[in-house]
Amino acid sequence: MGSFTQSSTITQNITLPAGQIVNADVNSAAAIDTGKLRHRTHLTYCQSNGTAVVADEKAVFVSYGATSACAIVAGKCGIQTLMTTGSGDDKTVTVDVKKNGTTILTAPYELNKSKTAKVSYNLVFASTALVAGDVISVVVTVGGSTGTQGQGVFVTLVVDEDPS
């Protein structure tokens, strides 16, 4: 297949093979309507550093996307101040991510005294697909009876979504 390099005005519709126009081919001043683009959203759930983590459940996202291309593409969690690490200390913080009330992680992620403060840990998803109307929530539970609870739990999620 040959290449065309002449500057011209074309007055008919052109059909190009799939994948021929890539990001670099789109002029930064093109002003493409956002309704024609996939949207990436960064979501953050957090509790304050300075007070012990408490059990909580919060809706953090409602999907508006219109196609099956909508998905959670990444997720991390961590804690800002670690629970006490004495030999008998057993405090834990568990993070779960749910879609419409059902977990979508392979297993809830437990933050405990063996973790490192201010480090993010990858969440592992069993299911990532979203459709319009799906509600994503973060659920935090606390456990243990000995020691001081951690502070400042945080969860970040990245969602790609087609326009509605």
N, C-alpha and C. Protein backbone atom coordinates (compact mmCIF):
# COMPACT_ATOMS: atom_id res chain seq x y z
N MET A 1 0.85 -1.17 0.00
CA MET A 1 0.00 0.00 0.00
C MET A 1 0.90 1.23 0.00
N GLY A 2 0.62 2.18 -0.86
CA GLY A 2 1.42 3.39 -0.96
C GLY A 2 1.00 4.43 0.06
N SER A 3 1.77 5.49 0.15
CA SER A 3 1.42 6.56 1.07
C SER A 3 1.09 7.82 0.29
N PHE A 4 0.25 8.63 0.84
CA PHE A 4 -0.21 9.87 0.21
C PHE A 4 0.35 11.03 1.01
N THR A 5 1.11 11.91 0.40
CA THR A 5 1.75 12.99 1.14
C THR A 5 1.38 14.38 0.64
N GLN A 6 0.56 14.48 -0.36
CA GLN A 6 0.20 15.79 -0.91
C GLN A 6 -0.83 16.47 -0.02
N SER A 7 -0.71 17.78 0.18
CA SER A 7 -1.69 18.55 0.93
C SER A 7 -2.85 18.85 0.01
N SER A 8 -4.06 18.39 0.39
CA SER A 8 -5.23 18.55 -0.46
C SER A 8 -6.49 18.70 0.38
N THR A 9 -7.55 19.15 -0.26
CA THR A 9 -8.86 19.15 0.36
C THR A 9 -9.65 18.01 -0.27
N ILE A 10 -10.17 17.14 0.57
CA ILE A 10 -10.91 15.98 0.07
C ILE A 10 -12.40 16.28 0.27
N THR A 11 -13.18 16.08 -0.76
CA THR A 11 -14.60 16.43 -0.70
C THR A 11 -15.49 15.20 -0.57
N GLN A 12 -14.92 14.02 -0.44
CA GLN A 12 -15.70 12.80 -0.27
C GLN A 12 -15.33 12.15 1.06
N ASN A 13 -16.18 11.25 1.54
CA ASN A 13 -15.87 10.49 2.75
C ASN A 13 -14.72 9.54 2.49
N ILE A 14 -13.87 9.38 3.49
CA ILE A 14 -12.75 8.46 3.39
C ILE A 14 -12.91 7.41 4.48
N THR A 15 -12.66 6.17 4.13
CA THR A 15 -12.68 5.09 5.12
C THR A 15 -11.25 4.61 5.29
N LEU A 16 -10.73 4.75 6.50
CA LEU A 16 -9.37 4.31 6.79
C LEU A 16 -9.41 2.98 7.53
N PRO A 17 -8.40 2.15 7.34
CA PRO A 17 -8.34 0.90 8.10
C PRO A 17 -8.27 1.19 9.61
N ALA A 18 -8.83 0.31 10.39
CA ALA A 18 -8.82 0.45 11.85
C ALA A 18 -7.40 0.61 12.36
N GLY A 19 -7.21 1.49 13.33
CA GLY A 19 -5.91 1.68 13.96
C GLY A 19 -4.95 2.59 13.20
N GLN A 20 -5.41 3.20 12.12
CA GLN A 20 -4.52 4.05 11.33
C GLN A 20 -4.32 5.44 11.93
N ILE A 21 -5.30 5.93 12.67
CA ILE A 21 -5.15 7.23 13.32
C ILE A 21 -4.88 6.96 14.79
N VAL A 22 -3.77 7.46 15.27
CA VAL A 22 -3.37 7.26 16.66
C VAL A 22 -3.31 8.61 17.37
N ASN A 23 -3.10 8.59 18.66
CA ASN A 23 -3.10 9.79 19.48
C ASN A 23 -2.21 10.89 18.90
N ALA A 24 -1.01 10.52 18.44
CA ALA A 24 -0.07 11.52 17.92
C ALA A 24 -0.61 12.22 16.67
N ASP A 25 -1.56 11.59 15.97
CA ASP A 25 -2.12 12.18 14.75
C ASP A 25 -3.18 13.24 15.03
N VAL A 26 -3.64 13.34 16.27
CA VAL A 26 -4.71 14.28 16.61
C VAL A 26 -4.09 15.59 17.09
N ASN A 27 -4.43 16.66 16.43
CA ASN A 27 -3.92 17.98 16.79
C ASN A 27 -4.39 18.35 18.19
N SER A 28 -3.49 18.88 19.02
CA SER A 28 -3.85 19.24 20.39
C SER A 28 -4.90 20.34 20.44
N ALA A 29 -5.10 21.07 19.36
CA ALA A 29 -6.12 22.12 19.30
C ALA A 29 -7.41 21.62 18.65
N ALA A 30 -7.57 20.31 18.50
CA ALA A 30 -8.71 19.75 17.77
C ALA A 30 -10.04 19.98 18.47
N ALA A 31 -10.04 20.21 19.77
CA ALA A 31 -11.27 20.47 20.53
C ALA A 31 -12.31 19.37 20.32
N ILE A 32 -11.90 18.13 20.51
CA ILE A 32 -12.81 17.00 20.36
C ILE A 32 -13.78 17.00 21.54
N ASP A 33 -15.06 16.83 21.23
CA ASP A 33 -16.11 16.82 22.24
C ASP A 33 -15.87 15.69 23.24
N THR A 34 -16.01 15.99 24.54
CA THR A 34 -15.76 14.98 25.57
C THR A 34 -16.71 13.79 25.45
N GLY A 35 -17.84 13.95 24.82
CA GLY A 35 -18.76 12.84 24.61
C GLY A 35 -18.23 11.78 23.66
N LYS A 36 -17.09 12.07 23.01
CA LYS A 36 -16.49 11.12 22.08
C LYS A 36 -15.22 10.48 22.65
N LEU A 37 -14.94 10.73 23.91
CA LEU A 37 -13.68 10.25 24.51
C LEU A 37 -13.94 9.33 25.69
N ARG A 38 -13.02 8.41 25.92
CA ARG A 38 -13.07 7.61 27.14
C ARG A 38 -12.54 8.47 28.27
N HIS A 39 -13.19 8.38 29.43
CA HIS A 39 -12.83 9.21 30.58
C HIS A 39 -12.09 8.36 31.61
N ARG A 40 -11.05 8.90 32.20
CA ARG A 40 -10.33 8.23 33.29
C ARG A 40 -10.57 9.04 34.55
N THR A 41 -11.07 8.35 35.59
CA THR A 41 -11.38 8.99 36.85
C THR A 41 -10.53 8.37 37.95
N HIS A 42 -9.90 9.21 38.76
CA HIS A 42 -9.13 8.76 39.91
C HIS A 42 -9.96 9.04 41.16
N LEU A 43 -10.27 7.98 41.89
CA LEU A 43 -11.12 8.09 43.07
C LEU A 43 -10.27 7.89 44.32
N THR A 44 -10.57 8.63 45.36
CA THR A 44 -9.84 8.48 46.62
C THR A 44 -10.83 8.40 47.78
N TYR A 45 -10.65 7.39 48.60
CA TYR A 45 -11.35 7.27 49.87
C TYR A 45 -10.27 7.37 50.94
N CYS A 46 -10.52 8.14 51.99
CA CYS A 46 -9.53 8.20 53.08
C CYS A 46 -10.20 8.58 54.39
N GLN A 47 -9.55 8.15 55.46
CA GLN A 47 -9.91 8.58 56.80
C GLN A 47 -8.74 9.42 57.32
N SER A 48 -9.02 10.30 58.26
CA SER A 48 -8.02 11.24 58.75
C SER A 48 -6.86 10.55 59.47
N ASN A 49 -5.66 11.04 59.19
CA ASN A 49 -4.50 10.63 59.97
C ASN A 49 -4.56 11.46 61.25
N GLY A 50 -4.43 10.81 62.40
CA GLY A 50 -4.54 11.51 63.67
C GLY A 50 -5.62 10.92 64.55
N THR A 51 -6.51 10.13 63.96
CA THR A 51 -7.52 9.41 64.73
C THR A 51 -7.54 7.96 64.25
N ALA A 52 -7.89 7.07 65.16
CA ALA A 52 -7.90 5.64 64.84
C ALA A 52 -8.89 5.35 63.70
N VAL A 53 -8.52 4.42 62.83
CA VAL A 53 -9.40 3.98 61.76
C VAL A 53 -10.66 3.37 62.37
N VAL A 54 -11.80 3.69 61.77
CA VAL A 54 -13.08 3.13 62.22
C VAL A 54 -13.74 2.40 61.05
N ALA A 55 -14.62 1.47 61.38
CA ALA A 55 -15.37 0.76 60.36
C ALA A 55 -16.23 1.77 59.59
N ASP A 56 -16.31 1.57 58.27
CA ASP A 56 -17.02 2.55 57.44
C ASP A 56 -17.36 1.90 56.10
N GLU A 57 -18.41 2.40 55.47
CA GLU A 57 -18.72 2.02 54.09
C GLU A 57 -19.22 3.25 53.38
N LYS A 58 -18.58 3.58 52.24
CA LYS A 58 -18.96 4.77 51.49
C LYS A 58 -19.02 4.45 50.00
N ALA A 59 -20.08 4.93 49.36
CA ALA A 59 -20.14 4.88 47.90
C ALA A 59 -19.15 5.90 47.36
N VAL A 60 -18.31 5.50 46.41
CA VAL A 60 -17.30 6.41 45.88
C VAL A 60 -17.46 6.68 44.39
N PHE A 61 -18.35 5.91 43.71
CA PHE A 61 -18.47 6.07 42.27
C PHE A 61 -19.77 5.45 41.79
N VAL A 62 -20.43 6.13 40.84
CA VAL A 62 -21.57 5.57 40.11
C VAL A 62 -21.21 5.63 38.64
N SER A 63 -21.29 4.50 37.96
CA SER A 63 -20.91 4.43 36.55
C SER A 63 -22.02 5.01 35.67
N TYR A 64 -21.61 5.85 34.73
CA TYR A 64 -22.53 6.40 33.74
C TYR A 64 -22.23 5.85 32.36
N GLY A 65 -21.14 5.12 32.23
CA GLY A 65 -20.68 4.63 30.94
C GLY A 65 -21.72 3.79 30.22
N ALA A 66 -21.66 3.87 28.90
CA ALA A 66 -22.69 3.22 28.09
C ALA A 66 -22.22 1.93 27.44
N THR A 67 -20.98 1.53 27.61
CA THR A 67 -20.51 0.32 26.93
C THR A 67 -19.77 -0.59 27.89
N SER A 68 -19.46 -1.78 27.40
CA SER A 68 -18.73 -2.75 28.22
C SER A 68 -17.26 -2.40 28.38
N ALA A 69 -16.81 -1.31 27.76
CA ALA A 69 -15.42 -0.89 27.90
C ALA A 69 -15.17 -0.21 29.25
N CYS A 70 -16.20 0.02 30.03
CA CYS A 70 -16.05 0.65 31.33
C CYS A 70 -15.48 -0.35 32.31
N ALA A 71 -14.45 0.07 33.07
CA ALA A 71 -13.81 -0.88 33.98
C ALA A 71 -12.97 -0.16 35.02
N ILE A 72 -12.78 -0.83 36.16
CA ILE A 72 -11.79 -0.41 37.13
C ILE A 72 -10.45 -0.92 36.61
N VAL A 73 -9.48 -0.04 36.43
CA VAL A 73 -8.21 -0.46 35.84
C VAL A 73 -7.08 -0.57 36.86
N ALA A 74 -7.28 -0.04 38.06
CA ALA A 74 -6.24 -0.15 39.09
C ALA A 74 -6.84 0.19 40.45
N GLY A 75 -6.19 -0.30 41.49
CA GLY A 75 -6.61 0.02 42.84
C GLY A 75 -5.47 -0.22 43.82
N LYS A 76 -5.37 0.65 44.81
CA LYS A 76 -4.33 0.53 45.83
C LYS A 76 -4.92 0.92 47.18
N CYS A 77 -4.28 0.46 48.25
CA CYS A 77 -4.68 0.88 49.59
C CYS A 77 -3.45 0.97 50.47
N GLY A 78 -3.61 1.65 51.59
CA GLY A 78 -2.50 1.78 52.53
C GLY A 78 -2.98 2.45 53.80
N ILE A 79 -2.02 2.71 54.68
CA ILE A 79 -2.33 3.34 55.96
C ILE A 79 -1.22 4.34 56.27
N GLN A 80 -1.58 5.50 56.79
CA GLN A 80 -0.58 6.54 57.03
C GLN A 80 0.19 6.31 58.32
N THR A 81 -0.48 5.90 59.39
CA THR A 81 0.20 5.61 60.66
C THR A 81 -0.11 4.17 61.02
N LEU A 82 0.93 3.36 61.14
CA LEU A 82 0.77 1.93 61.38
C LEU A 82 0.25 1.66 62.79
N MET A 83 -0.49 0.58 62.93
CA MET A 83 -0.92 0.13 64.26
C MET A 83 0.32 -0.28 65.06
N THR A 84 0.19 -0.33 66.37
CA THR A 84 1.35 -0.69 67.20
C THR A 84 1.82 -2.09 66.86
N THR A 85 3.11 -2.32 67.04
CA THR A 85 3.73 -3.55 66.55
C THR A 85 4.29 -4.43 67.66
N GLY A 86 3.78 -4.28 68.87
CA GLY A 86 4.23 -5.15 69.97
C GLY A 86 3.91 -6.61 69.68
N SER A 87 4.58 -7.52 70.37
CA SER A 87 4.45 -8.94 70.08
C SER A 87 3.02 -9.45 70.22
N GLY A 88 2.23 -8.89 71.13
CA GLY A 88 0.85 -9.35 71.30
C GLY A 88 -0.16 -8.49 70.57
N ASP A 89 0.29 -7.42 69.95
CA ASP A 89 -0.64 -6.50 69.29
C ASP A 89 -1.25 -7.16 68.05
N ASP A 90 -2.57 -7.04 67.91
CA ASP A 90 -3.25 -7.74 66.81
C ASP A 90 -4.24 -6.87 66.05
N LYS A 91 -4.12 -5.57 66.13
CA LYS A 91 -5.05 -4.67 65.44
C LYS A 91 -4.89 -4.82 63.92
N THR A 92 -6.01 -4.78 63.21
CA THR A 92 -6.01 -4.87 61.75
C THR A 92 -7.01 -3.89 61.16
N VAL A 93 -6.79 -3.54 59.92
CA VAL A 93 -7.73 -2.77 59.11
C VAL A 93 -7.89 -3.55 57.82
N THR A 94 -9.14 -3.84 57.45
CA THR A 94 -9.39 -4.59 56.22
C THR A 94 -10.16 -3.71 55.24
N VAL A 95 -9.70 -3.72 53.99
CA VAL A 95 -10.29 -2.92 52.93
C VAL A 95 -10.96 -3.85 51.93
N ASP A 96 -12.19 -3.51 51.54
CA ASP A 96 -12.89 -4.25 50.49
C ASP A 96 -13.46 -3.23 49.51
N VAL A 97 -13.58 -3.64 48.27
CA VAL A 97 -14.22 -2.81 47.24
C VAL A 97 -15.39 -3.62 46.71
N LYS A 98 -16.57 -3.00 46.70
CA LYS A 98 -17.77 -3.71 46.28
C LYS A 98 -18.43 -3.00 45.11
N LYS A 99 -19.06 -3.81 44.26
CA LYS A 99 -19.89 -3.30 43.17
C LYS A 99 -21.31 -3.74 43.46
N ASN A 100 -22.20 -2.78 43.64
CA ASN A 100 -23.61 -3.06 43.93
C ASN A 100 -23.75 -3.98 45.14
N GLY A 101 -22.87 -3.80 46.14
CA GLY A 101 -22.97 -4.54 47.38
C GLY A 101 -22.21 -5.86 47.44
N THR A 102 -21.58 -6.27 46.34
CA THR A 102 -20.86 -7.54 46.28
C THR A 102 -19.38 -7.27 46.04
N THR A 103 -18.52 -7.95 46.81
CA THR A 103 -17.08 -7.72 46.65
C THR A 103 -16.63 -8.02 45.23
N ILE A 104 -15.67 -7.23 44.75
CA ILE A 104 -15.08 -7.48 43.44
C ILE A 104 -13.58 -7.73 43.55
N LEU A 105 -13.08 -7.84 44.79
CA LEU A 105 -11.69 -8.22 45.00
C LEU A 105 -11.59 -9.74 45.09
N THR A 106 -10.41 -10.29 44.80
CA THR A 106 -10.23 -11.73 45.00
C THR A 106 -10.36 -12.05 46.48
N ALA A 107 -9.96 -11.10 47.34
CA ALA A 107 -10.14 -11.20 48.79
C ALA A 107 -9.95 -9.80 49.36
N PRO A 108 -10.68 -9.45 50.42
CA PRO A 108 -10.43 -8.15 51.06
C PRO A 108 -8.96 -8.06 51.47
N TYR A 109 -8.41 -6.84 51.44
CA TYR A 109 -6.98 -6.63 51.73
C TYR A 109 -6.81 -6.24 53.19
N GLU A 110 -5.97 -6.99 53.91
CA GLU A 110 -5.73 -6.71 55.33
C GLU A 110 -4.44 -5.92 55.52
N LEU A 111 -4.59 -4.79 56.19
CA LEU A 111 -3.45 -3.98 56.62
C LEU A 111 -3.21 -4.32 58.09
N ASN A 112 -2.00 -4.73 58.42
CA ASN A 112 -1.69 -5.12 59.79
C ASN A 112 -0.29 -4.64 60.14
N LYS A 113 0.21 -5.01 61.30
CA LYS A 113 1.49 -4.49 61.78
C LYS A 113 2.68 -4.93 60.93
N SER A 114 2.49 -5.89 60.03
CA SER A 114 3.61 -6.31 59.17
C SER A 114 3.75 -5.40 57.94
N LYS A 115 2.79 -4.53 57.70
CA LYS A 115 2.85 -3.61 56.56
C LYS A 115 3.70 -2.39 56.91
N THR A 116 3.93 -1.54 55.93
CA THR A 116 4.71 -0.32 56.12
C THR A 116 3.80 0.88 55.96
N ALA A 117 3.92 1.83 56.87
CA ALA A 117 3.11 3.04 56.79
C ALA A 117 3.48 3.85 55.55
N LYS A 118 2.49 4.53 54.99
CA LYS A 118 2.65 5.43 53.84
C LYS A 118 3.19 4.73 52.60
N VAL A 119 2.84 3.45 52.47
CA VAL A 119 3.16 2.67 51.26
C VAL A 119 1.83 2.18 50.71
N SER A 120 1.66 2.23 49.39
CA SER A 120 0.42 1.73 48.80
C SER A 120 0.61 0.29 48.34
N TYR A 121 -0.42 -0.51 48.58
CA TYR A 121 -0.42 -1.92 48.22
C TYR A 121 -1.48 -2.17 47.16
N ASN A 122 -1.14 -2.97 46.16
CA ASN A 122 -2.07 -3.24 45.06
C ASN A 122 -3.25 -4.08 45.52
N LEU A 123 -4.44 -3.66 45.11
CA LEU A 123 -5.64 -4.47 45.30
C LEU A 123 -5.76 -5.40 44.10
N VAL A 124 -6.22 -6.63 44.33
CA VAL A 124 -6.36 -7.60 43.25
C VAL A 124 -7.85 -7.82 42.99
N PHE A 125 -8.26 -7.53 41.78
CA PHE A 125 -9.67 -7.57 41.42
C PHE A 125 -10.04 -8.89 40.75
N ALA A 126 -11.15 -9.47 41.18
CA ALA A 126 -11.71 -10.66 40.53
C ALA A 126 -12.61 -10.24 39.37
N SER A 127 -13.17 -9.05 39.48
CA SER A 127 -14.07 -8.53 38.46
C SER A 127 -13.84 -7.03 38.35
N THR A 128 -13.73 -6.52 37.12
CA THR A 128 -13.47 -5.09 36.95
C THR A 128 -14.49 -4.40 36.03
N ALA A 129 -15.30 -5.16 35.31
CA ALA A 129 -16.23 -4.57 34.34
C ALA A 129 -17.33 -3.79 35.05
N LEU A 130 -17.72 -2.68 34.43
CA LEU A 130 -18.79 -1.83 34.94
C LEU A 130 -19.79 -1.55 33.83
N VAL A 131 -21.03 -1.36 34.22
CA VAL A 131 -22.06 -0.90 33.29
C VAL A 131 -22.77 0.28 33.93
N ALA A 132 -23.53 1.00 33.13
CA ALA A 132 -24.24 2.17 33.64
C ALA A 132 -25.07 1.80 34.86
N GLY A 133 -24.95 2.60 35.91
CA GLY A 133 -25.72 2.39 37.12
C GLY A 133 -25.00 1.62 38.21
N ASP A 134 -23.86 0.98 37.89
CA ASP A 134 -23.11 0.27 38.93
C ASP A 134 -22.62 1.25 39.99
N VAL A 135 -22.73 0.86 41.25
CA VAL A 135 -22.27 1.67 42.37
C VAL A 135 -21.06 0.99 42.99
N ILE A 136 -19.95 1.71 43.04
CA ILE A 136 -18.72 1.20 43.66
C ILE A 136 -18.61 1.79 45.05
N SER A 137 -18.37 0.92 46.03
CA SER A 137 -18.20 1.39 47.40
C SER A 137 -16.94 0.80 48.00
N VAL A 138 -16.40 1.52 48.97
CA VAL A 138 -15.25 1.07 49.75
C VAL A 138 -15.76 0.72 51.13
N VAL A 139 -15.36 -0.46 51.61
CA VAL A 139 -15.76 -0.93 52.93
C VAL A 139 -14.51 -1.13 53.76
N VAL A 140 -14.49 -0.53 54.94
CA VAL A 140 -13.36 -0.66 55.87
C VAL A 140 -13.88 -1.34 57.13
N THR A 141 -13.20 -2.38 57.55
CA THR A 141 -13.52 -3.02 58.83
C THR A 141 -12.27 -3.02 59.69
N VAL A 142 -12.48 -3.07 60.98
CA VAL A 142 -11.36 -3.07 61.93
C VAL A 142 -11.45 -4.32 62.78
N GLY A 143 -10.31 -4.81 63.23
CA GLY A 143 -10.30 -6.01 64.04
C GLY A 143 -9.18 -5.98 65.07
N GLY A 144 -9.19 -6.97 65.93
CA GLY A 144 -8.17 -7.10 66.96
C GLY A 144 -8.61 -6.46 68.26
N SER A 145 -7.92 -6.87 69.33
CA SER A 145 -8.29 -6.38 70.65
C SER A 145 -7.10 -5.81 71.43
N THR A 146 -5.89 -6.01 70.93
CA THR A 146 -4.71 -5.58 71.67
C THR A 146 -3.88 -4.61 70.84
N GLY A 147 -3.41 -3.54 71.47
CA GLY A 147 -2.57 -2.56 70.78
C GLY A 147 -3.36 -1.33 70.39
N THR A 148 -2.73 -0.47 69.63
CA THR A 148 -3.33 0.78 69.17
C THR A 148 -3.62 0.67 67.68
N GLN A 149 -4.83 1.08 67.29
CA GLN A 149 -5.24 0.98 65.89
C GLN A 149 -4.47 1.94 65.01
N GLY A 150 -4.30 1.57 63.74
CA GLY A 150 -3.67 2.45 62.76
C GLY A 150 -4.53 3.66 62.47
N GLN A 151 -3.95 4.61 61.74
CA GLN A 151 -4.64 5.86 61.43
C GLN A 151 -4.47 6.18 59.94
N GLY A 152 -5.49 6.82 59.40
CA GLY A 152 -5.38 7.35 58.04
C GLY A 152 -5.40 6.30 56.95
N VAL A 153 -6.34 5.37 56.99
CA VAL A 153 -6.46 4.40 55.90
C VAL A 153 -6.84 5.14 54.62
N PHE A 154 -6.30 4.67 53.48
CA PHE A 154 -6.65 5.29 52.20
C PHE A 154 -6.79 4.22 51.12
N VAL A 155 -7.66 4.50 50.16
CA VAL A 155 -7.89 3.63 49.02
C VAL A 155 -7.98 4.51 47.78
N THR A 156 -7.30 4.13 46.72
CA THR A 156 -7.42 4.84 45.45
C THR A 156 -7.87 3.84 44.38
N LEU A 157 -8.74 4.28 43.51
CA LEU A 157 -9.21 3.47 42.40
C LEU A 157 -9.11 4.29 41.13
N VAL A 158 -8.81 3.64 40.01
CA VAL A 158 -8.78 4.29 38.71
C VAL A 158 -9.82 3.60 37.84
N VAL A 159 -10.72 4.40 37.27
CA VAL A 159 -11.80 3.87 36.44
C VAL A 159 -11.73 4.49 35.06
N ASP A 160 -11.79 3.64 34.03
CA ASP A 160 -11.95 4.11 32.65
C ASP A 160 -13.41 3.92 32.28
N GLU A 161 -13.98 4.95 31.64
CA GLU A 161 -15.41 4.92 31.34
C GLU A 161 -15.67 5.61 30.01
N ASP A 162 -16.47 4.96 29.19
CA ASP A 162 -16.93 5.60 27.96
C ASP A 162 -18.00 6.61 28.31
N PRO A 163 -18.21 7.61 27.48
CA PRO A 163 -19.24 8.60 27.79
C PRO A 163 -20.62 7.97 27.74
N SER A 164 -21.52 8.55 28.52
CA SER A 164 -22.90 8.02 28.54
C SER A 164 -23.68 8.55 27.37
